């Protein structure tokens, strides 16, 4: 049993090890898109816009690939964390624990609260970015 979990952990770490390189590719799409916008606003000839359109198409593909990579590695990590949780409960109680009954109100509410923490932390991060952006604007105006 532990061998399969160990193998999944190694696979997840392998995905995370190259994650920086793969996820950095997601920056290509917006750069190519901005280049196309600059070419359009500066009223360049259509041959230049054709080149930036092709680059933008490549950027869209790399963005889709990096999203798939992110979802895959995050799914593996979630599976491992949940498996580790089940193993810890088994170790603490000494009883086999392989299923969770979400029909029990306490478990259902706990699951809802746990899943809401993702949105709380996301909201805090978005708010922090907004505050930082506002400070940058104030500094630029000053």
N, C-alpha and C. Protein backbone atom coordinates (compact mmCIF):
# COMPACT_ATOMS: atom_id res chain seq x y z
N UNK A 1 0.82 -1.19 0.00
CA UNK A 1 0.00 0.00 0.00
C UNK A 1 0.87 1.26 0.00
N UNK A 2 1.87 1.28 0.83
CA UNK A 2 2.69 2.49 0.94
C UNK A 2 3.55 2.70 -0.30
N UNK A 3 3.83 1.61 -1.04
CA UNK A 3 4.64 1.73 -2.25
C UNK A 3 3.96 2.56 -3.32
N UNK A 4 2.64 2.39 -3.48
CA UNK A 4 1.90 3.18 -4.47
C UNK A 4 1.85 4.64 -4.09
N UNK A 5 1.69 4.88 -2.78
CA UNK A 5 1.67 6.26 -2.30
C UNK A 5 3.04 6.90 -2.46
N UNK A 6 4.09 6.14 -2.18
CA UNK A 6 5.45 6.65 -2.35
C UNK A 6 5.72 6.96 -3.82
N UNK A 7 5.29 6.07 -4.71
CA UNK A 7 5.48 6.31 -6.14
C UNK A 7 4.76 7.56 -6.62
N UNK A 8 3.55 7.77 -6.10
CA UNK A 8 2.81 8.97 -6.47
C UNK A 8 3.50 10.21 -5.92
N UNK A 9 4.06 10.11 -4.72
CA UNK A 9 4.80 11.25 -4.15
C UNK A 9 6.03 11.58 -4.99
N UNK A 10 6.73 10.56 -5.44
CA UNK A 10 7.92 10.79 -6.28
C UNK A 10 7.51 11.43 -7.60
N UNK A 11 6.40 10.95 -8.19
CA UNK A 11 5.91 11.53 -9.44
C UNK A 11 5.52 13.00 -9.25
N UNK A 12 4.88 13.30 -8.13
CA UNK A 12 4.50 14.68 -7.86
C UNK A 12 5.73 15.56 -7.69
N UNK A 13 6.73 15.07 -6.97
CA UNK A 13 7.95 15.86 -6.79
C UNK A 13 8.66 16.04 -8.14
N UNK A 14 8.59 15.02 -9.00
CA UNK A 14 9.16 15.16 -10.33
C UNK A 14 8.46 16.25 -11.12
N UNK A 15 7.14 16.32 -10.98
CA UNK A 15 6.40 17.38 -11.68
C UNK A 15 6.75 18.74 -11.11
N UNK A 16 6.86 18.84 -9.80
CA UNK A 16 7.16 20.12 -9.18
C UNK A 16 8.59 20.57 -9.48
N UNK A 17 9.50 19.61 -9.67
CA UNK A 17 10.90 19.97 -9.92
C UNK A 17 11.05 20.74 -11.22
N UNK A 18 10.29 20.36 -12.23
CA UNK A 18 10.37 21.09 -13.50
C UNK A 18 9.26 22.12 -13.64
N UNK A 19 8.48 22.29 -12.59
CA UNK A 19 7.35 23.21 -12.65
C UNK A 19 7.73 24.65 -12.95
N UNK A 20 8.86 25.08 -12.44
CA UNK A 20 9.29 26.46 -12.67
C UNK A 20 9.49 26.72 -14.15
N UNK A 21 10.08 25.78 -14.84
CA UNK A 21 10.34 25.96 -16.26
C UNK A 21 9.04 25.93 -17.07
N UNK A 22 8.18 25.00 -16.72
CA UNK A 22 6.93 24.86 -17.47
C UNK A 22 6.03 26.07 -17.21
N UNK A 23 5.89 26.46 -15.97
CA UNK A 23 5.00 27.58 -15.65
C UNK A 23 5.55 28.92 -16.13
N UNK A 24 6.86 29.03 -16.29
CA UNK A 24 7.40 30.28 -16.83
C UNK A 24 7.00 30.47 -18.29
N UNK A 25 6.63 29.37 -18.95
CA UNK A 25 6.16 29.49 -20.33
C UNK A 25 4.85 30.24 -20.42
N UNK A 26 4.10 30.30 -19.33
CA UNK A 26 2.81 30.99 -19.38
C UNK A 26 2.99 32.49 -19.57
N UNK A 27 4.17 33.00 -19.34
CA UNK A 27 4.43 34.42 -19.58
C UNK A 27 4.57 34.76 -21.05
N UNK A 28 4.77 33.76 -21.89
CA UNK A 28 4.96 34.02 -23.32
C UNK A 28 3.70 34.58 -23.98
N UNK A 29 2.54 34.02 -23.61
CA UNK A 29 1.28 34.42 -24.22
C UNK A 29 0.97 35.90 -24.06
N UNK A 30 0.97 36.42 -22.83
CA UNK A 30 0.68 37.85 -22.66
C UNK A 30 1.70 38.76 -23.34
N UNK A 31 2.96 38.34 -23.37
CA UNK A 31 3.97 39.16 -24.03
C UNK A 31 3.70 39.24 -25.52
N UNK A 32 3.40 38.09 -26.13
CA UNK A 32 3.10 38.08 -27.57
C UNK A 32 1.81 38.85 -27.85
N UNK A 33 0.83 38.74 -26.97
CA UNK A 33 -0.42 39.46 -27.15
C UNK A 33 -0.18 40.97 -27.06
N UNK A 34 0.63 41.40 -26.10
CA UNK A 34 0.94 42.82 -25.98
C UNK A 34 1.71 43.32 -27.19
N UNK A 35 2.59 42.48 -27.72
CA UNK A 35 3.32 42.87 -28.93
C UNK A 35 2.36 43.10 -30.08
N UNK A 36 1.35 42.23 -30.20
CA UNK A 36 0.34 42.42 -31.25
C UNK A 36 -0.43 43.71 -31.07
N UNK A 37 -0.76 44.03 -29.82
CA UNK A 37 -1.46 45.28 -29.54
C UNK A 37 -0.61 46.49 -29.88
N UNK A 38 0.67 46.43 -29.58
CA UNK A 38 1.57 47.55 -29.90
C UNK A 38 1.68 47.73 -31.41
N UNK A 39 1.79 46.60 -32.11
CA UNK A 39 1.88 46.67 -33.59
C UNK A 39 0.60 47.28 -34.15
N UNK A 40 -0.54 46.87 -33.61
CA UNK A 40 -1.81 47.40 -34.10
C UNK A 40 -1.95 48.90 -33.81
N UNK A 41 -1.60 49.32 -32.58
CA UNK A 41 -1.74 50.73 -32.22
C UNK A 41 -0.76 51.63 -32.96
N UNK A 42 0.40 51.08 -33.28
CA UNK A 42 1.39 51.88 -34.00
C UNK A 42 1.18 51.85 -35.51
N UNK A 43 0.10 51.19 -35.94
CA UNK A 43 -0.30 51.15 -37.34
C UNK A 43 0.81 50.64 -38.25
N UNK A 44 1.40 49.52 -37.84
CA UNK A 44 2.42 48.87 -38.67
C UNK A 44 1.74 48.18 -39.85
N UNK A 45 2.55 47.79 -40.80
CA UNK A 45 1.99 47.11 -41.97
C UNK A 45 1.45 45.74 -41.57
N UNK A 46 0.58 45.19 -42.39
CA UNK A 46 -0.13 43.95 -42.03
C UNK A 46 0.81 42.75 -41.92
N UNK A 47 1.94 42.76 -42.58
CA UNK A 47 2.86 41.63 -42.49
C UNK A 47 3.43 41.50 -41.06
N UNK A 48 3.62 42.62 -40.40
CA UNK A 48 4.10 42.59 -39.02
C UNK A 48 3.01 42.03 -38.11
N UNK A 49 1.78 42.44 -38.35
CA UNK A 49 0.67 41.92 -37.55
C UNK A 49 0.48 40.43 -37.77
N UNK A 50 0.72 39.94 -38.97
CA UNK A 50 0.63 38.49 -39.23
C UNK A 50 1.64 37.72 -38.38
N UNK A 51 2.83 38.28 -38.24
CA UNK A 51 3.86 37.62 -37.43
C UNK A 51 3.43 37.58 -35.96
N UNK A 52 2.95 38.72 -35.46
CA UNK A 52 2.55 38.74 -34.04
C UNK A 52 1.31 37.88 -33.81
N UNK A 53 0.44 37.75 -34.81
CA UNK A 53 -0.72 36.86 -34.65
C UNK A 53 -0.27 35.41 -34.51
N UNK A 54 0.74 35.00 -35.28
CA UNK A 54 1.25 33.64 -35.17
C UNK A 54 1.90 33.43 -33.80
N UNK A 55 2.65 34.44 -33.35
CA UNK A 55 3.26 34.34 -32.02
C UNK A 55 2.19 34.27 -30.93
N UNK A 56 1.11 35.02 -31.13
CA UNK A 56 0.02 35.00 -30.16
C UNK A 56 -0.65 33.63 -30.12
N UNK A 57 -0.78 32.99 -31.26
CA UNK A 57 -1.36 31.64 -31.30
C UNK A 57 -0.47 30.66 -30.54
N UNK A 58 0.84 30.78 -30.71
CA UNK A 58 1.76 29.93 -29.95
C UNK A 58 1.63 30.21 -28.46
N UNK A 59 1.50 31.49 -28.12
CA UNK A 59 1.32 31.86 -26.72
C UNK A 59 0.07 31.27 -26.11
N UNK A 60 -1.01 31.21 -26.90
CA UNK A 60 -2.25 30.60 -26.40
C UNK A 60 -2.06 29.11 -26.14
N UNK A 61 -1.32 28.44 -27.00
CA UNK A 61 -1.06 27.01 -26.81
C UNK A 61 -0.20 26.78 -25.57
N UNK A 62 0.85 27.58 -25.40
CA UNK A 62 1.69 27.39 -24.21
C UNK A 62 0.90 27.69 -22.94
N UNK A 63 0.02 28.67 -22.99
CA UNK A 63 -0.80 28.99 -21.82
C UNK A 63 -1.71 27.81 -21.47
N UNK A 64 -2.31 27.20 -22.49
CA UNK A 64 -3.17 26.04 -22.24
C UNK A 64 -2.36 24.87 -21.68
N UNK A 65 -1.17 24.66 -22.20
CA UNK A 65 -0.32 23.58 -21.69
C UNK A 65 0.05 23.81 -20.23
N UNK A 66 0.40 25.03 -19.89
CA UNK A 66 0.80 25.30 -18.50
C UNK A 66 -0.39 25.18 -17.56
N UNK A 67 -1.59 25.53 -18.02
CA UNK A 67 -2.78 25.34 -17.17
C UNK A 67 -3.02 23.86 -16.91
N UNK A 68 -2.89 23.05 -17.94
CA UNK A 68 -3.04 21.61 -17.76
C UNK A 68 -2.00 21.04 -16.82
N UNK A 69 -0.78 21.52 -16.94
CA UNK A 69 0.30 21.08 -16.06
C UNK A 69 -0.02 21.47 -14.62
N UNK A 70 -0.49 22.69 -14.42
CA UNK A 70 -0.81 23.16 -13.07
C UNK A 70 -1.91 22.32 -12.45
N UNK A 71 -2.95 22.05 -13.21
CA UNK A 71 -4.06 21.26 -12.69
C UNK A 71 -3.59 19.84 -12.35
N UNK A 72 -2.77 19.26 -13.23
CA UNK A 72 -2.28 17.90 -12.99
C UNK A 72 -1.42 17.80 -11.75
N UNK A 73 -0.48 18.72 -11.59
CA UNK A 73 0.40 18.65 -10.43
C UNK A 73 -0.35 18.99 -9.15
N UNK A 74 -1.29 19.92 -9.22
CA UNK A 74 -2.08 20.23 -8.02
C UNK A 74 -2.98 19.07 -7.64
N UNK A 75 -3.53 18.37 -8.63
CA UNK A 75 -4.37 17.20 -8.33
C UNK A 75 -3.58 16.11 -7.64
N UNK A 76 -2.38 15.86 -8.14
CA UNK A 76 -1.53 14.86 -7.49
C UNK A 76 -1.20 15.26 -6.06
N UNK A 77 -0.88 16.53 -5.87
CA UNK A 77 -0.54 17.00 -4.53
C UNK A 77 -1.74 16.88 -3.59
N UNK A 78 -2.94 17.20 -4.06
CA UNK A 78 -4.15 17.07 -3.23
C UNK A 78 -4.40 15.62 -2.87
N UNK A 79 -4.22 14.73 -3.84
CA UNK A 79 -4.39 13.30 -3.56
C UNK A 79 -3.43 12.86 -2.48
N UNK A 80 -2.18 13.30 -2.56
CA UNK A 80 -1.19 12.90 -1.56
C UNK A 80 -1.50 13.46 -0.18
N UNK A 81 -1.93 14.71 -0.13
CA UNK A 81 -2.26 15.30 1.16
C UNK A 81 -3.44 14.59 1.80
N UNK A 82 -4.45 14.26 1.00
CA UNK A 82 -5.61 13.56 1.55
C UNK A 82 -5.24 12.15 1.99
N UNK A 83 -4.40 11.47 1.23
CA UNK A 83 -3.95 10.14 1.62
C UNK A 83 -3.13 10.20 2.91
N UNK A 84 -2.30 11.22 3.02
CA UNK A 84 -1.52 11.38 4.25
C UNK A 84 -2.44 11.64 5.44
N UNK A 85 -3.50 12.42 5.22
CA UNK A 85 -4.48 12.68 6.28
C UNK A 85 -5.13 11.37 6.73
N UNK A 86 -5.56 10.55 5.77
CA UNK A 86 -6.18 9.27 6.12
C UNK A 86 -5.21 8.38 6.89
N UNK A 87 -3.94 8.37 6.47
CA UNK A 87 -2.93 7.56 7.16
C UNK A 87 -2.70 8.06 8.59
N UNK A 88 -2.68 9.36 8.78
CA UNK A 88 -2.49 9.92 10.13
C UNK A 88 -3.66 9.58 11.04
N UNK A 89 -4.88 9.65 10.51
CA UNK A 89 -6.05 9.28 11.32
C UNK A 89 -5.97 7.82 11.71
N UNK A 90 -5.55 6.96 10.76
CA UNK A 90 -5.39 5.53 11.07
C UNK A 90 -4.34 5.33 12.15
N UNK A 91 -3.23 6.05 12.03
CA UNK A 91 -2.15 5.90 13.00
C UNK A 91 -2.58 6.37 14.40
N UNK A 92 -3.36 7.45 14.45
CA UNK A 92 -3.78 7.99 15.75
C UNK A 92 -4.87 7.16 16.42
N UNK A 93 -5.78 6.62 15.61
CA UNK A 93 -6.90 5.87 16.19
C UNK A 93 -6.63 4.38 16.28
N UNK A 94 -5.72 3.90 15.45
CA UNK A 94 -5.44 2.47 15.43
C UNK A 94 -6.50 1.66 14.70
N UNK A 95 -7.42 2.34 14.03
CA UNK A 95 -8.49 1.67 13.28
C UNK A 95 -8.36 2.00 11.80
N UNK A 96 -8.83 1.08 10.97
CA UNK A 96 -8.79 1.30 9.53
C UNK A 96 -9.73 2.46 9.17
N UNK A 97 -9.23 3.39 8.36
CA UNK A 97 -10.00 4.58 7.98
C UNK A 97 -9.77 4.84 6.50
N UNK A 98 -10.71 4.40 5.68
CA UNK A 98 -10.54 4.51 4.23
C UNK A 98 -11.69 5.22 3.54
N UNK A 99 -12.72 5.62 4.28
CA UNK A 99 -13.83 6.32 3.63
C UNK A 99 -14.35 7.40 4.57
N UNK A 100 -14.93 8.42 3.95
CA UNK A 100 -15.51 9.52 4.70
C UNK A 100 -16.96 9.66 4.26
N UNK A 101 -17.86 9.66 5.22
CA UNK A 101 -19.29 9.76 4.93
C UNK A 101 -19.72 11.21 5.00
N UNK A 102 -19.94 11.83 3.84
CA UNK A 102 -20.30 13.25 3.85
C UNK A 102 -21.77 13.47 4.20
N UNK A 103 -22.51 12.39 4.45
CA UNK A 103 -23.90 12.54 4.89
C UNK A 103 -23.97 12.93 6.37
N UNK A 104 -22.86 12.78 7.09
CA UNK A 104 -22.81 13.21 8.49
C UNK A 104 -22.67 14.74 8.49
N UNK A 105 -23.60 15.45 9.15
CA UNK A 105 -23.59 16.92 9.06
C UNK A 105 -22.27 17.58 9.46
N UNK A 106 -21.63 17.06 10.51
CA UNK A 106 -20.37 17.67 10.95
C UNK A 106 -19.28 17.55 9.89
N UNK A 107 -19.24 16.41 9.23
CA UNK A 107 -18.24 16.18 8.19
C UNK A 107 -18.55 17.05 6.98
N UNK A 108 -19.83 17.14 6.62
CA UNK A 108 -20.21 17.97 5.48
C UNK A 108 -19.87 19.43 5.72
N UNK A 109 -20.21 19.95 6.90
CA UNK A 109 -19.91 21.35 7.22
C UNK A 109 -18.40 21.58 7.29
N UNK A 110 -17.67 20.62 7.86
CA UNK A 110 -16.21 20.74 7.89
C UNK A 110 -15.61 20.77 6.50
N UNK A 111 -16.16 19.95 5.59
CA UNK A 111 -15.69 19.98 4.21
C UNK A 111 -15.97 21.30 3.53
N UNK A 112 -17.17 21.85 3.79
CA UNK A 112 -17.50 23.15 3.22
C UNK A 112 -16.57 24.24 3.73
N UNK A 113 -16.36 24.25 5.04
CA UNK A 113 -15.47 25.26 5.63
C UNK A 113 -14.04 25.11 5.11
N UNK A 114 -13.59 23.87 5.00
CA UNK A 114 -12.25 23.65 4.48
C UNK A 114 -12.09 24.09 3.05
N UNK A 115 -13.11 23.85 2.23
CA UNK A 115 -13.02 24.28 0.84
C UNK A 115 -13.14 25.78 0.70
N UNK A 116 -13.80 26.43 1.65
CA UNK A 116 -13.92 27.89 1.60
C UNK A 116 -12.61 28.60 1.91
N UNK A 117 -11.71 27.92 2.60
CA UNK A 117 -10.45 28.59 2.92
C UNK A 117 -9.66 28.95 1.67
N UNK A 118 -9.84 28.18 0.60
CA UNK A 118 -9.18 28.51 -0.66
C UNK A 118 -9.62 29.89 -1.13
N UNK A 119 -10.92 30.16 -1.05
CA UNK A 119 -11.44 31.44 -1.50
C UNK A 119 -11.03 32.57 -0.57
N UNK A 120 -10.94 32.30 0.72
CA UNK A 120 -10.50 33.32 1.67
C UNK A 120 -9.06 33.74 1.36
N UNK A 121 -8.17 32.76 1.20
CA UNK A 121 -6.78 33.10 0.91
C UNK A 121 -6.63 33.75 -0.46
N UNK A 122 -7.43 33.33 -1.42
CA UNK A 122 -7.39 33.97 -2.74
C UNK A 122 -7.84 35.42 -2.64
N UNK A 123 -8.90 35.66 -1.88
CA UNK A 123 -9.39 37.03 -1.71
C UNK A 123 -8.34 37.89 -1.02
N UNK A 124 -7.67 37.35 -0.02
CA UNK A 124 -6.62 38.11 0.66
C UNK A 124 -5.47 38.43 -0.31
N UNK A 125 -5.12 37.46 -1.15
CA UNK A 125 -4.04 37.70 -2.11
C UNK A 125 -4.44 38.76 -3.13
N UNK A 126 -5.68 38.70 -3.62
CA UNK A 126 -6.14 39.69 -4.59
C UNK A 126 -6.19 41.07 -3.94
N UNK A 127 -6.64 41.13 -2.70
CA UNK A 127 -6.69 42.42 -2.00
C UNK A 127 -5.28 42.98 -1.81
N UNK A 128 -4.34 42.12 -1.48
CA UNK A 128 -2.96 42.58 -1.30
C UNK A 128 -2.38 43.12 -2.61
N UNK A 129 -2.69 42.47 -3.71
CA UNK A 129 -2.23 42.96 -5.01
C UNK A 129 -2.84 44.32 -5.31
N UNK A 130 -4.13 44.48 -5.00
CA UNK A 130 -4.79 45.77 -5.22
C UNK A 130 -4.18 46.88 -4.38
N UNK A 131 -3.89 46.58 -3.12
CA UNK A 131 -3.26 47.58 -2.25
C UNK A 131 -1.87 47.94 -2.76
N UNK A 132 -1.11 46.93 -3.17
CA UNK A 132 0.23 47.20 -3.69
C UNK A 132 0.17 48.01 -4.98
N UNK A 133 -0.78 47.69 -5.86
CA UNK A 133 -0.92 48.43 -7.11
C UNK A 133 -1.30 49.88 -6.84
N UNK A 134 -2.14 50.09 -5.84
CA UNK A 134 -2.52 51.46 -5.49
C UNK A 134 -1.32 52.25 -4.97
N UNK A 135 -0.48 51.60 -4.18
CA UNK A 135 0.72 52.26 -3.69
C UNK A 135 1.69 52.60 -4.82
N UNK A 136 1.78 51.70 -5.81
CA UNK A 136 2.64 51.97 -6.97
C UNK A 136 2.12 53.18 -7.73
N UNK A 137 0.79 53.26 -7.91
CA UNK A 137 0.20 54.39 -8.62
C UNK A 137 0.46 55.69 -7.86
N UNK A 138 0.30 55.66 -6.54
CA UNK A 138 0.58 56.85 -5.73
C UNK A 138 2.02 57.29 -5.89
N UNK A 139 2.93 56.33 -5.88
CA UNK A 139 4.36 56.65 -6.00
C UNK A 139 4.67 57.22 -7.38
N UNK A 140 4.08 56.64 -8.42
CA UNK A 140 4.30 57.15 -9.78
C UNK A 140 3.77 58.57 -9.91
N UNK A 141 2.61 58.82 -9.34
CA UNK A 141 2.05 60.18 -9.39
C UNK A 141 2.87 61.17 -8.60
N UNK A 142 3.44 60.70 -7.49
CA UNK A 142 4.26 61.59 -6.66
C UNK A 142 5.53 61.97 -7.40
